[in-house]
N, C-alpha and C. Protein backbone atom coordinates (compact mmCIF):
# COMPACT_ATOMS: atom_id res chain seq x y z
N UNK A 1 3.32 -7.53 -27.23
CA UNK A 1 3.91 -8.85 -27.03
C UNK A 1 4.34 -9.00 -25.56
N UNK A 2 4.98 -7.98 -25.02
CA UNK A 2 5.44 -8.06 -23.63
C UNK A 2 4.25 -8.25 -22.68
N UNK A 3 3.16 -7.61 -22.97
CA UNK A 3 1.95 -7.78 -22.16
C UNK A 3 1.40 -9.19 -22.21
N UNK A 4 1.47 -9.80 -23.38
CA UNK A 4 1.03 -11.20 -23.50
C UNK A 4 1.97 -12.11 -22.71
N UNK A 5 3.25 -11.81 -22.75
CA UNK A 5 4.19 -12.64 -21.98
C UNK A 5 3.90 -12.51 -20.49
N UNK A 6 3.65 -11.28 -20.02
CA UNK A 6 3.35 -11.09 -18.61
C UNK A 6 2.08 -11.87 -18.23
N UNK A 7 1.09 -11.82 -19.09
CA UNK A 7 -0.18 -12.53 -18.81
C UNK A 7 0.02 -14.04 -18.75
N UNK A 8 1.11 -14.53 -19.35
CA UNK A 8 1.39 -15.97 -19.34
C UNK A 8 1.99 -16.44 -18.02
N UNK A 9 2.37 -15.49 -17.11
CA UNK A 9 2.80 -15.93 -15.80
C UNK A 9 4.10 -15.40 -15.20
N UNK A 10 5.04 -14.84 -15.95
CA UNK A 10 6.26 -14.38 -15.27
C UNK A 10 5.97 -13.16 -14.39
N UNK A 11 6.84 -12.94 -13.42
CA UNK A 11 6.68 -11.80 -12.52
C UNK A 11 7.11 -10.49 -13.17
N UNK A 12 8.08 -10.56 -14.05
CA UNK A 12 8.65 -9.40 -14.72
C UNK A 12 8.89 -9.72 -16.20
N UNK A 13 8.63 -8.74 -17.04
CA UNK A 13 9.05 -8.83 -18.44
C UNK A 13 9.85 -7.55 -18.70
N UNK A 14 11.11 -7.72 -19.08
CA UNK A 14 11.99 -6.59 -19.34
C UNK A 14 12.20 -6.43 -20.86
N UNK A 15 12.14 -5.19 -21.32
CA UNK A 15 12.32 -4.90 -22.73
C UNK A 15 13.43 -3.86 -22.85
N UNK A 16 14.52 -4.23 -23.53
CA UNK A 16 15.60 -3.27 -23.74
C UNK A 16 15.26 -2.41 -24.95
N UNK A 17 15.68 -1.13 -24.88
CA UNK A 17 15.36 -0.18 -25.93
C UNK A 17 16.61 0.59 -26.36
N UNK A 18 17.77 -0.04 -26.22
CA UNK A 18 19.02 0.62 -26.65
C UNK A 18 19.24 1.94 -25.95
N UNK A 19 19.57 2.95 -26.73
CA UNK A 19 19.86 4.28 -26.14
C UNK A 19 18.63 4.92 -25.46
N UNK A 20 17.45 4.35 -25.69
CA UNK A 20 16.24 4.87 -25.05
C UNK A 20 15.99 4.24 -23.69
N UNK A 21 16.85 3.34 -23.23
CA UNK A 21 16.71 2.74 -21.92
C UNK A 21 16.04 1.39 -21.94
N UNK A 22 15.15 1.16 -20.99
CA UNK A 22 14.47 -0.13 -20.89
C UNK A 22 13.14 0.05 -20.18
N UNK A 23 12.24 -0.90 -20.42
CA UNK A 23 10.93 -0.91 -19.77
C UNK A 23 10.75 -2.24 -19.06
N UNK A 24 9.93 -2.20 -18.03
CA UNK A 24 9.54 -3.41 -17.29
C UNK A 24 8.04 -3.44 -17.19
N UNK A 25 7.46 -4.57 -17.46
CA UNK A 25 6.05 -4.82 -17.22
C UNK A 25 5.99 -5.81 -16.05
N UNK A 26 5.10 -5.55 -15.12
CA UNK A 26 4.97 -6.40 -13.93
C UNK A 26 3.53 -6.24 -13.45
N UNK A 27 3.08 -7.08 -12.54
CA UNK A 27 1.67 -6.98 -12.11
C UNK A 27 1.26 -5.59 -11.64
N UNK A 28 2.21 -4.79 -11.16
CA UNK A 28 1.90 -3.43 -10.68
C UNK A 28 1.89 -2.37 -11.75
N UNK A 29 2.17 -2.73 -13.00
CA UNK A 29 2.13 -1.75 -14.07
C UNK A 29 3.35 -1.84 -15.00
N UNK A 30 3.73 -0.67 -15.46
CA UNK A 30 4.87 -0.56 -16.40
C UNK A 30 5.76 0.58 -15.94
N UNK A 31 7.05 0.36 -16.05
CA UNK A 31 8.03 1.39 -15.70
C UNK A 31 9.05 1.48 -16.83
N UNK A 32 9.45 2.68 -17.16
CA UNK A 32 10.49 2.90 -18.15
C UNK A 32 11.62 3.68 -17.48
N UNK A 33 12.83 3.28 -17.73
CA UNK A 33 14.03 3.98 -17.23
C UNK A 33 14.83 4.40 -18.44
N UNK A 34 15.20 5.66 -18.48
CA UNK A 34 16.01 6.19 -19.56
C UNK A 34 17.46 5.72 -19.42
N UNK A 35 18.14 5.59 -20.51
CA UNK A 35 19.57 5.23 -20.51
C UNK A 35 20.38 6.50 -20.34
N UNK A 36 21.48 6.43 -19.59
CA UNK A 36 22.36 7.60 -19.51
C UNK A 36 23.02 7.83 -20.87
N UNK A 37 23.30 9.08 -21.16
CA UNK A 37 23.98 9.41 -22.41
C UNK A 37 25.45 8.99 -22.30
N UNK A 38 25.86 8.13 -23.21
CA UNK A 38 27.27 7.71 -23.27
C UNK A 38 27.72 7.70 -24.72
N UNK A 39 28.99 7.85 -24.92
CA UNK A 39 29.55 7.69 -26.27
C UNK A 39 29.75 6.21 -26.49
N UNK A 40 29.06 5.67 -27.48
CA UNK A 40 29.10 4.23 -27.73
C UNK A 40 30.37 3.87 -28.50
N UNK A 41 31.14 2.95 -27.90
CA UNK A 41 32.35 2.45 -28.55
C UNK A 41 32.10 1.10 -29.22
N UNK A 42 31.24 0.26 -28.57
CA UNK A 42 31.02 -1.09 -29.05
C UNK A 42 29.78 -1.65 -28.36
N UNK A 43 28.86 -2.19 -29.13
CA UNK A 43 27.63 -2.71 -28.52
C UNK A 43 27.72 -4.19 -28.13
N UNK A 44 28.86 -4.82 -28.43
CA UNK A 44 29.02 -6.23 -28.05
C UNK A 44 28.99 -6.35 -26.53
N UNK A 45 28.15 -7.21 -26.05
CA UNK A 45 28.05 -7.45 -24.61
C UNK A 45 26.98 -6.62 -23.90
N UNK A 46 26.32 -5.72 -24.63
CA UNK A 46 25.31 -4.87 -23.99
C UNK A 46 24.18 -5.69 -23.37
N UNK A 47 23.68 -6.65 -24.09
CA UNK A 47 22.59 -7.47 -23.57
C UNK A 47 23.00 -8.32 -22.38
N UNK A 48 24.21 -8.89 -22.47
CA UNK A 48 24.71 -9.67 -21.33
C UNK A 48 24.91 -8.79 -20.10
N UNK A 49 25.43 -7.57 -20.32
CA UNK A 49 25.62 -6.66 -19.18
C UNK A 49 24.28 -6.23 -18.60
N UNK A 50 23.28 -6.02 -19.46
CA UNK A 50 21.94 -5.70 -18.98
C UNK A 50 21.42 -6.81 -18.09
N UNK A 51 21.57 -8.04 -18.54
CA UNK A 51 21.08 -9.17 -17.75
C UNK A 51 21.86 -9.34 -16.45
N UNK A 52 23.18 -9.16 -16.51
CA UNK A 52 23.96 -9.30 -15.27
C UNK A 52 23.59 -8.21 -14.29
N UNK A 53 23.32 -6.99 -14.77
CA UNK A 53 22.88 -5.91 -13.89
C UNK A 53 21.51 -6.24 -13.30
N UNK A 54 20.64 -6.84 -14.09
CA UNK A 54 19.32 -7.24 -13.61
C UNK A 54 19.45 -8.27 -12.50
N UNK A 55 20.25 -9.31 -12.74
CA UNK A 55 20.41 -10.38 -11.76
C UNK A 55 21.08 -9.87 -10.49
N UNK A 56 22.06 -8.98 -10.65
CA UNK A 56 22.74 -8.40 -9.50
C UNK A 56 21.73 -7.67 -8.61
N UNK A 57 20.89 -6.82 -9.22
CA UNK A 57 19.92 -6.06 -8.45
C UNK A 57 18.83 -6.94 -7.85
N UNK A 58 18.36 -7.93 -8.60
CA UNK A 58 17.37 -8.86 -8.05
C UNK A 58 17.93 -9.59 -6.83
N UNK A 59 19.18 -10.02 -6.93
CA UNK A 59 19.83 -10.69 -5.80
C UNK A 59 19.96 -9.76 -4.58
N UNK A 60 20.34 -8.51 -4.85
CA UNK A 60 20.48 -7.54 -3.75
C UNK A 60 19.16 -7.29 -3.03
N UNK A 61 18.06 -7.42 -3.77
CA UNK A 61 16.74 -7.24 -3.18
C UNK A 61 16.15 -8.56 -2.65
N UNK A 62 16.93 -9.65 -2.71
CA UNK A 62 16.44 -10.92 -2.21
C UNK A 62 15.32 -11.51 -3.05
N UNK A 63 15.38 -11.29 -4.36
CA UNK A 63 14.30 -11.71 -5.23
C UNK A 63 14.68 -12.83 -6.20
N UNK A 64 15.74 -13.56 -5.88
CA UNK A 64 16.11 -14.70 -6.73
C UNK A 64 15.88 -16.00 -5.99
N UNK A 65 15.65 -17.06 -6.73
CA UNK A 65 15.50 -18.39 -6.15
C UNK A 65 14.05 -18.75 -5.89
N UNK A 66 13.81 -20.03 -5.70
CA UNK A 66 12.43 -20.49 -5.54
C UNK A 66 11.73 -19.94 -4.29
N UNK A 67 12.48 -19.66 -3.24
CA UNK A 67 11.85 -19.11 -2.03
C UNK A 67 11.42 -17.66 -2.21
N UNK A 68 11.91 -16.99 -3.24
CA UNK A 68 11.59 -15.58 -3.47
C UNK A 68 10.47 -15.40 -4.51
N UNK A 69 9.97 -16.48 -5.05
CA UNK A 69 9.00 -16.38 -6.16
C UNK A 69 7.79 -15.52 -5.77
N UNK A 70 7.18 -15.75 -4.64
CA UNK A 70 6.00 -14.96 -4.24
C UNK A 70 6.36 -13.47 -4.06
N UNK A 71 7.52 -13.19 -3.47
CA UNK A 71 7.95 -11.79 -3.30
C UNK A 71 8.17 -11.13 -4.65
N UNK A 72 8.73 -11.86 -5.60
CA UNK A 72 8.97 -11.31 -6.93
C UNK A 72 7.65 -10.99 -7.61
N UNK A 73 6.65 -11.84 -7.47
CA UNK A 73 5.35 -11.57 -8.08
C UNK A 73 4.62 -10.40 -7.41
N UNK A 74 5.05 -10.03 -6.22
CA UNK A 74 4.41 -8.92 -5.50
C UNK A 74 5.33 -7.68 -5.43
N UNK A 75 6.34 -7.65 -6.28
CA UNK A 75 7.35 -6.60 -6.24
C UNK A 75 6.72 -5.21 -6.45
N UNK A 76 7.26 -4.22 -5.77
CA UNK A 76 6.73 -2.84 -5.86
C UNK A 76 7.46 -2.05 -6.95
N UNK A 77 6.88 -0.93 -7.31
CA UNK A 77 7.40 -0.09 -8.39
C UNK A 77 8.82 0.40 -8.11
N UNK A 78 9.11 0.78 -6.88
CA UNK A 78 10.44 1.28 -6.56
C UNK A 78 11.51 0.24 -6.75
N UNK A 79 11.21 -1.00 -6.38
CA UNK A 79 12.17 -2.06 -6.57
C UNK A 79 12.40 -2.35 -8.04
N UNK A 80 11.31 -2.38 -8.81
CA UNK A 80 11.44 -2.63 -10.25
C UNK A 80 12.26 -1.51 -10.89
N UNK A 81 12.01 -0.29 -10.50
CA UNK A 81 12.78 0.84 -11.06
C UNK A 81 14.27 0.70 -10.71
N UNK A 82 14.56 0.28 -9.48
CA UNK A 82 15.95 0.08 -9.08
C UNK A 82 16.61 -1.02 -9.90
N UNK A 83 15.91 -2.10 -10.12
CA UNK A 83 16.45 -3.20 -10.94
C UNK A 83 16.75 -2.68 -12.36
N UNK A 84 15.82 -1.95 -12.93
CA UNK A 84 16.03 -1.41 -14.28
C UNK A 84 17.20 -0.44 -14.33
N UNK A 85 17.32 0.44 -13.29
CA UNK A 85 18.45 1.37 -13.27
C UNK A 85 19.78 0.63 -13.25
N UNK A 86 19.87 -0.43 -12.46
CA UNK A 86 21.10 -1.23 -12.44
C UNK A 86 21.37 -1.87 -13.80
N UNK A 87 20.36 -2.42 -14.42
CA UNK A 87 20.53 -3.09 -15.71
C UNK A 87 20.97 -2.12 -16.77
N UNK A 88 20.32 -0.97 -16.83
CA UNK A 88 20.63 0.04 -17.86
C UNK A 88 22.03 0.62 -17.62
N UNK A 89 22.37 0.88 -16.37
CA UNK A 89 23.71 1.41 -16.06
C UNK A 89 24.80 0.43 -16.44
N UNK A 90 24.59 -0.84 -16.16
CA UNK A 90 25.57 -1.86 -16.51
C UNK A 90 25.78 -1.93 -18.02
N UNK A 91 24.69 -1.88 -18.76
CA UNK A 91 24.80 -1.90 -20.23
C UNK A 91 25.48 -0.62 -20.74
N UNK A 92 25.15 0.52 -20.16
CA UNK A 92 25.74 1.79 -20.60
C UNK A 92 27.24 1.81 -20.43
N UNK A 93 27.72 1.33 -19.29
CA UNK A 93 29.17 1.26 -19.08
C UNK A 93 29.80 0.33 -20.11
N UNK A 94 29.16 -0.79 -20.35
CA UNK A 94 29.71 -1.79 -21.27
C UNK A 94 29.85 -1.24 -22.69
N UNK A 95 28.83 -0.53 -23.17
CA UNK A 95 28.89 -0.03 -24.56
C UNK A 95 29.84 1.16 -24.69
N UNK A 96 30.26 1.74 -23.59
CA UNK A 96 31.14 2.90 -23.65
C UNK A 96 32.60 2.54 -23.89
N UNK A 97 32.89 1.24 -23.99
CA UNK A 97 34.26 0.79 -24.24
C UNK A 97 34.26 -0.42 -25.16
N UNK A 98 35.38 -0.68 -25.73
CA UNK A 98 35.50 -1.76 -26.69
C UNK A 98 35.44 -3.13 -26.02
N UNK A 99 34.79 -4.06 -26.70
CA UNK A 99 34.73 -5.44 -26.21
C UNK A 99 33.60 -5.65 -25.23
N UNK A 100 33.32 -6.90 -24.97
CA UNK A 100 32.31 -7.27 -23.99
C UNK A 100 32.95 -7.17 -22.61
N UNK A 101 32.99 -5.97 -22.07
CA UNK A 101 33.71 -5.68 -20.83
C UNK A 101 32.76 -5.02 -19.84
N UNK A 102 32.00 -5.82 -19.10
CA UNK A 102 31.02 -5.22 -18.17
C UNK A 102 31.70 -4.52 -17.00
N UNK A 103 30.93 -3.67 -16.29
CA UNK A 103 31.53 -2.94 -15.18
C UNK A 103 31.76 -3.81 -13.95
N UNK A 104 32.78 -3.45 -13.21
CA UNK A 104 32.99 -4.04 -11.91
C UNK A 104 32.11 -3.30 -10.91
N UNK A 105 32.09 -3.76 -9.66
CA UNK A 105 31.22 -3.12 -8.65
C UNK A 105 31.43 -1.62 -8.47
N UNK A 106 32.68 -1.19 -8.44
CA UNK A 106 32.95 0.25 -8.27
C UNK A 106 32.45 1.05 -9.46
N UNK A 107 32.68 0.52 -10.66
CA UNK A 107 32.21 1.23 -11.86
C UNK A 107 30.69 1.29 -11.90
N UNK A 108 30.04 0.23 -11.49
CA UNK A 108 28.56 0.23 -11.48
C UNK A 108 28.03 1.25 -10.47
N UNK A 109 28.64 1.29 -9.28
CA UNK A 109 28.22 2.29 -8.28
C UNK A 109 28.42 3.71 -8.82
N UNK A 110 29.54 3.93 -9.50
CA UNK A 110 29.80 5.24 -10.09
C UNK A 110 28.76 5.59 -11.15
N UNK A 111 28.44 4.63 -12.00
CA UNK A 111 27.45 4.86 -13.06
C UNK A 111 26.07 5.15 -12.47
N UNK A 112 25.78 4.56 -11.31
CA UNK A 112 24.51 4.79 -10.65
C UNK A 112 24.52 6.05 -9.78
N UNK A 113 25.69 6.66 -9.63
CA UNK A 113 25.81 7.85 -8.79
C UNK A 113 25.75 7.52 -7.31
N UNK A 114 26.16 6.29 -6.96
CA UNK A 114 26.16 5.84 -5.57
C UNK A 114 27.60 5.76 -5.10
N UNK A 115 27.88 6.30 -3.93
CA UNK A 115 29.24 6.22 -3.41
C UNK A 115 29.32 5.43 -2.16
């Protein structure tokens, strides 16, 4: 199904896989990123946190908005992997605590192992 969606025209198709991480299909292929092991407290907000992590990373790479459309369609594997890592890390932090409580910037950097 994700392959059919990609063939219909979007630059990226993201598929969440819960504790197994997430996959991205894009014109350059397919990438899968594993989820970090966390003790799940509550899954409420995981999808929203995944999407906010995705948007945050796309913005950081200058890939949002109508002027970025061509760049997004030509995105490289490393950038897609980085976007997925941000999305999965954001969701992992969120499910590790009660309520729909996504990570702040410092928590996301810590989850990514970036200081």
